[in-house]
Amino acid sequence: MYAIIKTGGKQYRVSEGDLLKVDLLGHVKVGKKVTLSEVLAVGEGKELKVGTPTVEGASVTASVVSEGRADKVRIFQFRKRKHSKKSAGHRQYYVELKIETIAA
């Protein structure tokens, strides 16, 4: 069984037992359980139940494995013939989730 969930403005395809890195989910601690209720679709084999926009009564339960920051993304802007350049970097915070159950 798999589900397509939406969190942090992004969509993810998850199955039970998957490890998933998502954007920070507010004030969750390592070891706690999180219920993701924005389930866009639930499928098993060739059957697929698609919501409008979410599937009624479906949810995904996950436990928080770790928190951290992703690798640095370098931003470099350069304007030719203007002697102008600017460099910056960004590290996004994330939460790693282990998908426990998918309830449809």
C-alpha atoms as a PDB file:
ATOM      1  CA  MET A   1       0.000   0.000   0.000  1.00  0.00           C
ATOM      2  CA  TYR A   2       1.245   3.473  -0.803  1.00  0.00           C
ATOM      3  CA  ALA A   3       0.002   7.029  -0.359  1.00  0.00           C
ATOM      4  CA  ILE A   4       0.728  10.423  -1.849  1.00  0.00           C
ATOM      5  CA  ILE A   5       0.942  13.019   0.909  1.00  0.00           C
ATOM      6  CA  LYS A   6       1.401  16.772   0.920  1.00  0.00           C
ATOM      7  CA  THR A   7       3.529  18.552   3.506  1.00  0.00           C
ATOM      8  CA  GLY A   8       5.542  21.739   3.343  1.00  0.00           C
ATOM      9  CA  GLY A   9       4.139  22.601  -0.093  1.00  0.00           C
ATOM     10  CA  LYS A  10       5.610  19.439  -1.626  1.00  0.00           C
ATOM     11  CA  GLN A  11       4.144  16.053  -2.491  1.00  0.00           C
ATOM     12  CA  TYR A  12       5.722  12.703  -1.582  1.00  0.00           C
ATOM     13  CA  ARG A  13       4.920   9.085  -2.471  1.00  0.00           C
ATOM     14  CA  VAL A  14       5.341   6.975   0.672  1.00  0.00           C
ATOM     15  CA  SER A  15       4.940   3.350   1.725  1.00  0.00           C
ATOM     16  CA  GLU A  16       5.097   1.766   5.170  1.00  0.00           C
ATOM     17  CA  GLY A  17       8.674   1.583   6.439  1.00  0.00           C
ATOM     18  CA  ASP A  18      10.007   4.403   4.231  1.00  0.00           C
ATOM     19  CA  LEU A  19      12.399   7.043   5.554  1.00  0.00           C
ATOM     20  CA  LEU A  20      11.529  10.520   4.353  1.00  0.00           C
ATOM     21  CA  LYS A  21      13.160  13.948   4.801  1.00  0.00           C
ATOM     22  CA  VAL A  22      10.613  16.778   4.893  1.00  0.00           C
ATOM     23  CA  ASP A  23      10.749  20.462   5.805  1.00  0.00           C
ATOM     24  CA  LEU A  24      10.596  21.288   9.504  1.00  0.00           C
ATOM     25  CA  LEU A  25       7.185  20.458  11.060  1.00  0.00           C
ATOM     26  CA  GLY A  26       6.888  23.042  13.825  1.00  0.00           C
ATOM     27  CA  HIS A  27       7.751  21.855  17.330  1.00  0.00           C
ATOM     28  CA  VAL A  28       8.130  18.084  17.045  1.00  0.00           C
ATOM     29  CA  LYS A  29      10.688  16.167  19.067  1.00  0.00           C
ATOM     30  CA  VAL A  30      12.714  13.108  18.111  1.00  0.00           C
ATOM     31  CA  GLY A  31      10.819   9.930  19.004  1.00  0.00           C
ATOM     32  CA  LYS A  32       7.332  11.489  18.841  1.00  0.00           C
ATOM     33  CA  LYS A  33       4.593  10.416  16.423  1.00  0.00           C
ATOM     34  CA  VAL A  34       3.174  12.728  13.752  1.00  0.00           C
ATOM     35  CA  THR A  35      -0.122  12.319  11.887  1.00  0.00           C
ATOM     36  CA  LEU A  36      -0.152  13.659   8.326  1.00  0.00           C
ATOM     37  CA  SER A  37      -3.762  14.203   7.275  1.00  0.00           C
ATOM     38  CA  GLU A  38      -3.277  15.767   3.836  1.00  0.00           C
ATOM     39  CA  VAL A  39      -3.411  12.509   1.850  1.00  0.00           C
ATOM     40  CA  LEU A  40      -3.993  13.204  -1.845  1.00  0.00           C
ATOM     41  CA  ALA A  41      -4.203   9.582  -3.032  1.00  0.00           C
ATOM     42  CA  VAL A  42      -4.064   6.054  -1.642  1.00  0.00           C
ATOM     43  CA  GLY A  43      -3.216   3.023  -3.756  1.00  0.00           C
ATOM     44  CA  GLU A  44      -2.684  -0.692  -3.493  1.00  0.00           C
ATOM     45  CA  GLY A  45      -1.562  -2.655  -6.532  1.00  0.00           C
ATOM     46  CA  LYS A  46      -3.440  -1.327  -9.556  1.00  0.00           C
ATOM     47  CA  GLU A  47      -6.207   0.290  -7.505  1.00  0.00           C
ATOM     48  CA  LEU A  48      -5.868   4.002  -6.768  1.00  0.00           C
ATOM     49  CA  LYS A  49      -8.238   6.162  -4.729  1.00  0.00           C
ATOM     50  CA  VAL A  50      -7.773   9.836  -5.583  1.00  0.00           C
ATOM     51  CA  GLY A  51      -9.170  12.580  -3.372  1.00  0.00           C
ATOM     52  CA  THR A  52     -10.785  15.870  -4.318  1.00  0.00           C
ATOM     53  CA  PRO A  53      -8.430  17.402  -3.123  1.00  0.00           C
ATOM     54  CA  THR A  54      -7.775  14.971  -0.224  1.00  0.00           C
ATOM     55  CA  VAL A  55      -8.998  11.463   0.507  1.00  0.00           C
ATOM     56  CA  GLU A  56     -11.749  11.562   3.150  1.00  0.00           C
ATOM     57  CA  GLY A  57     -10.700   9.872   6.406  1.00  0.00           C
ATOM     58  CA  ALA A  58      -7.208   8.898   5.226  1.00  0.00           C
ATOM     59  CA  SER A  59      -4.102   9.608   7.274  1.00  0.00           C
ATOM     60  CA  VAL A  60      -0.461   8.621   7.499  1.00  0.00           C
ATOM     61  CA  THR A  61       1.239   8.088  10.855  1.00  0.00           C
ATOM     62  CA  ALA A  62       4.990   8.586  11.102  1.00  0.00           C
ATOM     63  CA  SER A  63       7.569   8.790  13.861  1.00  0.00           C
ATOM     64  CA  VAL A  64      10.325  11.395  13.980  1.00  0.00           C
ATOM     65  CA  VAL A  65      13.727   9.741  13.592  1.00  0.00           C
ATOM     66  CA  SER A  66      16.015  12.785  13.523  1.00  0.00           C
ATOM     67  CA  GLU A  67      16.317  16.491  12.850  1.00  0.00           C
ATOM     68  CA  GLY A  68      19.068  18.233  10.956  1.00  0.00           C
ATOM     69  CA  ARG A  69      20.174  20.548   8.211  1.00  0.00           C
ATOM     70  CA  ALA A  70      20.679  19.655   4.555  1.00  0.00           C
ATOM     71  CA  ASP A  71      23.865  20.224   2.584  1.00  0.00           C
ATOM     72  CA  LYS A  72      24.715  23.811   1.733  1.00  0.00           C
ATOM     73  CA  VAL A  73      23.316  25.157  -1.509  1.00  0.00           C
ATOM     74  CA  ARG A  74      25.603  27.788  -3.033  1.00  0.00           C
ATOM     75  CA  ILE A  75      24.043  30.851  -4.654  1.00  0.00           C
ATOM     76  CA  PHE A  76      26.289  32.894  -6.930  1.00  0.00           C
ATOM     77  CA  GLN A  77      25.165  35.894  -8.951  1.00  0.00           C
ATOM     78  CA  PHE A  78      27.429  37.466 -11.533  1.00  0.00           C
ATOM     79  CA  ARG A  79      26.793  40.356 -13.882  1.00  0.00           C
ATOM     80  CA  LYS A  80      29.164  40.444 -16.816  1.00  0.00           C
ATOM     81  CA  ARG A  81      30.994  43.684 -17.606  1.00  0.00           C
ATOM     82  CA  LYS A  82      29.579  45.341 -14.441  1.00  0.00           C
ATOM     83  CA  HIS A  83      32.223  44.160 -11.949  1.00  0.00           C
ATOM     84  CA  SER A  84      29.384  42.898  -9.771  1.00  0.00           C
ATOM     85  CA  LYS A  85      29.230  39.537  -8.075  1.00  0.00           C
ATOM     86  CA  LYS A  86      27.502  38.237  -4.986  1.00  0.00           C
ATOM     87  CA  SER A  87      27.867  34.911  -3.186  1.00  0.00           C
ATOM     88  CA  ALA A  88      25.588  33.388  -0.557  1.00  0.00           C
ATOM     89  CA  GLY A  89      24.632  30.017   0.843  1.00  0.00           C
ATOM     90  CA  HIS A  90      21.622  28.323   2.409  1.00  0.00           C
ATOM     91  CA  ARG A  91      21.113  25.207   4.556  1.00  0.00           C
ATOM     92  CA  GLN A  92      17.505  24.020   4.875  1.00  0.00           C
ATOM     93  CA  TYR A  93      16.297  22.506   8.157  1.00  0.00           C
ATOM     94  CA  TYR A  94      14.599  19.118   7.836  1.00  0.00           C
ATOM     95  CA  VAL A  95      12.917  16.382   9.870  1.00  0.00           C
ATOM     96  CA  GLU A  96      13.472  12.722   8.988  1.00  0.00           C
ATOM     97  CA  LEU A  97      10.287  10.638   9.308  1.00  0.00           C
ATOM     98  CA  LYS A  98       9.771   6.866   9.338  1.00  0.00           C
ATOM     99  CA  ILE A  99       6.365   5.977   7.905  1.00  0.00           C
ATOM    100  CA  GLU A 100       4.568   3.635  10.338  1.00  0.00           C
ATOM    101  CA  THR A 101       1.000   3.149   9.071  1.00  0.00           C
ATOM    102  CA  ILE A 102      -1.230   4.253   6.225  1.00  0.00           C
ATOM    103  CA  ALA A 103      -4.931   4.354   7.129  1.00  0.00           C
ATOM    104  CA  ALA A 104      -7.394   4.707   4.275  1.00  0.00           C
END
